[in-house]
Amino acid sequence: MSGSWIARTAAAAMLGAGVMVAGSSVAEACTARFTCSPGVSPTCWFRLFYRSGQTAVITVPAGGQRRMFGLTPGDGFCSSNRGVPGIGCTTTRIRMAC
């Protein structure tokens, strides 16, 4: 359960979700897929950081995926296989399809 697993999970979370969007002045509705690799933990946790300042926590079972709708360019996330990521975690920009 190392940091490299989290990096692999984060990279896999965005697999097939499209290109990274740098930003836009127009509010777009976008989607992204979050996945959890099997075998390391029974659950993966993702904390989403919306540009509006709101946060949300989602879970994905091992070997599963969850598609999130209504995202906007500039939203970010943190992931963990040990529990809910804290508010102060290092965020990564969500790769999404708009």
C-alpha atoms as a PDB file:
ATOM      1  CA  MET A   1       0.000   0.000   0.000  1.00  0.00           C
ATOM      2  CA  SER A   2       2.563   2.521  -1.091  1.00  0.00           C
ATOM      3  CA  GLY A   3       2.321   6.002  -2.555  1.00  0.00           C
ATOM      4  CA  SER A   4       3.051   4.524  -5.980  1.00  0.00           C
ATOM      5  CA  TRP A   5      -0.182   2.526  -5.758  1.00  0.00           C
ATOM      6  CA  ILE A   6      -2.079   5.757  -5.185  1.00  0.00           C
ATOM      7  CA  ALA A   7      -0.367   7.314  -8.193  1.00  0.00           C
ATOM      8  CA  ARG A   8      -1.267   4.272 -10.335  1.00  0.00           C
ATOM      9  CA  THR A   9      -4.856   4.395  -9.109  1.00  0.00           C
ATOM     10  CA  ALA A  10      -5.071   8.118  -9.829  1.00  0.00           C
ATOM     11  CA  ALA A  11      -3.672   7.581 -13.319  1.00  0.00           C
ATOM     12  CA  ALA A  12      -6.042   4.680 -13.921  1.00  0.00           C
ATOM     13  CA  ALA A  13      -8.907   6.783 -12.617  1.00  0.00           C
ATOM     14  CA  MET A  14      -8.605   9.053 -15.569  1.00  0.00           C
ATOM     15  CA  LEU A  15      -7.959   6.346 -18.176  1.00  0.00           C
ATOM     16  CA  GLY A  16     -10.219   6.767 -21.173  1.00  0.00           C
ATOM     17  CA  ALA A  17     -11.794   9.928 -19.833  1.00  0.00           C
ATOM     18  CA  GLY A  18     -10.348  12.248 -22.468  1.00  0.00           C
ATOM     19  CA  VAL A  19      -7.779  14.990 -22.474  1.00  0.00           C
ATOM     20  CA  MET A  20      -6.980  17.337 -19.635  1.00  0.00           C
ATOM     21  CA  VAL A  21      -8.751  20.649 -19.981  1.00  0.00           C
ATOM     22  CA  ALA A  22      -6.649  23.648 -18.978  1.00  0.00           C
ATOM     23  CA  GLY A  23      -9.565  25.927 -18.161  1.00  0.00           C
ATOM     24  CA  SER A  24     -12.445  27.782 -19.653  1.00  0.00           C
ATOM     25  CA  SER A  25     -14.458  30.886 -18.985  1.00  0.00           C
ATOM     26  CA  VAL A  26     -17.593  29.003 -20.023  1.00  0.00           C
ATOM     27  CA  ALA A  27     -19.090  26.637 -17.457  1.00  0.00           C
ATOM     28  CA  GLU A  28     -19.065  23.249 -19.165  1.00  0.00           C
ATOM     29  CA  ALA A  29     -20.621  20.022 -17.944  1.00  0.00           C
ATOM     30  CA  CYS A  30     -17.953  17.326 -18.104  1.00  0.00           C
ATOM     31  CA  THR A  31     -17.586  13.677 -17.060  1.00  0.00           C
ATOM     32  CA  ALA A  32     -14.717  11.620 -15.643  1.00  0.00           C
ATOM     33  CA  ARG A  33     -14.286   7.969 -14.727  1.00  0.00           C
ATOM     34  CA  PHE A  34     -12.742   6.984 -11.384  1.00  0.00           C
ATOM     35  CA  THR A  35     -11.446   3.415 -11.026  1.00  0.00           C
ATOM     36  CA  CYS A  36     -10.021   1.270  -8.240  1.00  0.00           C
ATOM     37  CA  SER A  37      -7.399  -1.402  -8.944  1.00  0.00           C
ATOM     38  CA  PRO A  38      -8.224  -4.809  -7.454  1.00  0.00           C
ATOM     39  CA  GLY A  39      -6.057  -6.543  -4.888  1.00  0.00           C
ATOM     40  CA  VAL A  40      -4.645  -3.712  -2.793  1.00  0.00           C
ATOM     41  CA  SER A  41      -7.675  -2.548  -0.831  1.00  0.00           C
ATOM     42  CA  PRO A  42     -11.370  -3.454  -0.943  1.00  0.00           C
ATOM     43  CA  THR A  43     -12.255   0.221  -1.472  1.00  0.00           C
ATOM     44  CA  CYS A  44     -10.695   3.362  -2.930  1.00  0.00           C
ATOM     45  CA  TRP A  45     -11.658   6.805  -1.675  1.00  0.00           C
ATOM     46  CA  PHE A  46     -11.631   9.956  -3.784  1.00  0.00           C
ATOM     47  CA  ARG A  47     -12.068  13.490  -2.477  1.00  0.00           C
ATOM     48  CA  LEU A  48     -13.265  15.839  -5.215  1.00  0.00           C
ATOM     49  CA  PHE A  49     -12.514  19.558  -5.074  1.00  0.00           C
ATOM     50  CA  TYR A  50     -14.883  21.646  -7.166  1.00  0.00           C
ATOM     51  CA  ARG A  51     -13.935  25.106  -8.436  1.00  0.00           C
ATOM     52  CA  SER A  52     -16.972  26.427  -6.562  1.00  0.00           C
ATOM     53  CA  GLY A  53     -15.184  25.596  -3.289  1.00  0.00           C
ATOM     54  CA  GLN A  54     -17.352  22.574  -2.482  1.00  0.00           C
ATOM     55  CA  THR A  55     -15.877  19.132  -1.805  1.00  0.00           C
ATOM     56  CA  ALA A  56     -17.317  15.636  -2.075  1.00  0.00           C
ATOM     57  CA  VAL A  57     -16.109  12.150  -1.203  1.00  0.00           C
ATOM     58  CA  ILE A  58     -16.879   9.142  -3.384  1.00  0.00           C
ATOM     59  CA  THR A  59     -15.917   5.500  -2.986  1.00  0.00           C
ATOM     60  CA  VAL A  60     -15.235   2.882  -5.629  1.00  0.00           C
ATOM     61  CA  PRO A  61     -15.029  -0.840  -4.827  1.00  0.00           C
ATOM     62  CA  ALA A  62     -11.859  -2.721  -5.836  1.00  0.00           C
ATOM     63  CA  GLY A  63     -12.022  -3.660  -9.499  1.00  0.00           C
ATOM     64  CA  GLY A  64     -14.864  -1.190 -10.054  1.00  0.00           C
ATOM     65  CA  GLN A  65     -15.375   2.197 -11.584  1.00  0.00           C
ATOM     66  CA  ARG A  66     -17.640   5.197 -11.101  1.00  0.00           C
ATOM     67  CA  ARG A  67     -18.438   7.877 -13.627  1.00  0.00           C
ATOM     68  CA  MET A  68     -19.013  11.379 -12.299  1.00  0.00           C
ATOM     69  CA  PHE A  69     -21.098  13.897 -14.234  1.00  0.00           C
ATOM     70  CA  GLY A  70     -21.392  17.679 -13.976  1.00  0.00           C
ATOM     71  CA  LEU A  71     -17.694  18.389 -13.476  1.00  0.00           C
ATOM     72  CA  THR A  72     -16.122  21.613 -14.694  1.00  0.00           C
ATOM     73  CA  PRO A  73     -12.614  22.287 -16.011  1.00  0.00           C
ATOM     74  CA  GLY A  74     -10.301  23.041 -13.104  1.00  0.00           C
ATOM     75  CA  ASP A  75     -11.905  20.607 -10.627  1.00  0.00           C
ATOM     76  CA  GLY A  76      -9.383  18.429  -8.759  1.00  0.00           C
ATOM     77  CA  PHE A  77      -9.154  15.248  -6.687  1.00  0.00           C
ATOM     78  CA  CYS A  78      -7.084  13.267  -4.191  1.00  0.00           C
ATOM     79  CA  SER A  79      -7.246   9.491  -3.793  1.00  0.00           C
ATOM     80  CA  SER A  80      -6.406   6.953  -1.102  1.00  0.00           C
ATOM     81  CA  ASN A  81      -6.755   3.250  -0.410  1.00  0.00           C
ATOM     82  CA  ARG A  82      -6.535   3.767   3.365  1.00  0.00           C
ATOM     83  CA  GLY A  83      -9.576   5.949   4.008  1.00  0.00           C
ATOM     84  CA  VAL A  84     -10.953   9.348   3.125  1.00  0.00           C
ATOM     85  CA  PRO A  85      -8.217  11.756   1.943  1.00  0.00           C
ATOM     86  CA  GLY A  86      -7.911  14.826   4.149  1.00  0.00           C
ATOM     87  CA  ILE A  87      -8.864  18.328   3.062  1.00  0.00           C
ATOM     88  CA  GLY A  88      -5.164  19.270   2.958  1.00  0.00           C
ATOM     89  CA  CYS A  89      -4.174  16.494   0.517  1.00  0.00           C
ATOM     90  CA  THR A  90      -2.225  17.301  -2.649  1.00  0.00           C
ATOM     91  CA  THR A  91      -4.753  17.653  -5.439  1.00  0.00           C
ATOM     92  CA  THR A  92      -4.450  16.553  -9.035  1.00  0.00           C
ATOM     93  CA  ARG A  93      -6.469  18.139 -11.810  1.00  0.00           C
ATOM     94  CA  ILE A  94      -9.220  15.798 -12.998  1.00  0.00           C
ATOM     95  CA  ARG A  95      -8.828  14.596 -16.596  1.00  0.00           C
ATOM     96  CA  MET A  96     -12.298  14.798 -18.056  1.00  0.00           C
ATOM     97  CA  ALA A  97     -14.308  14.719 -21.233  1.00  0.00           C
ATOM     98  CA  CYS A  98     -16.405  17.792 -21.949  1.00  0.00           C
END
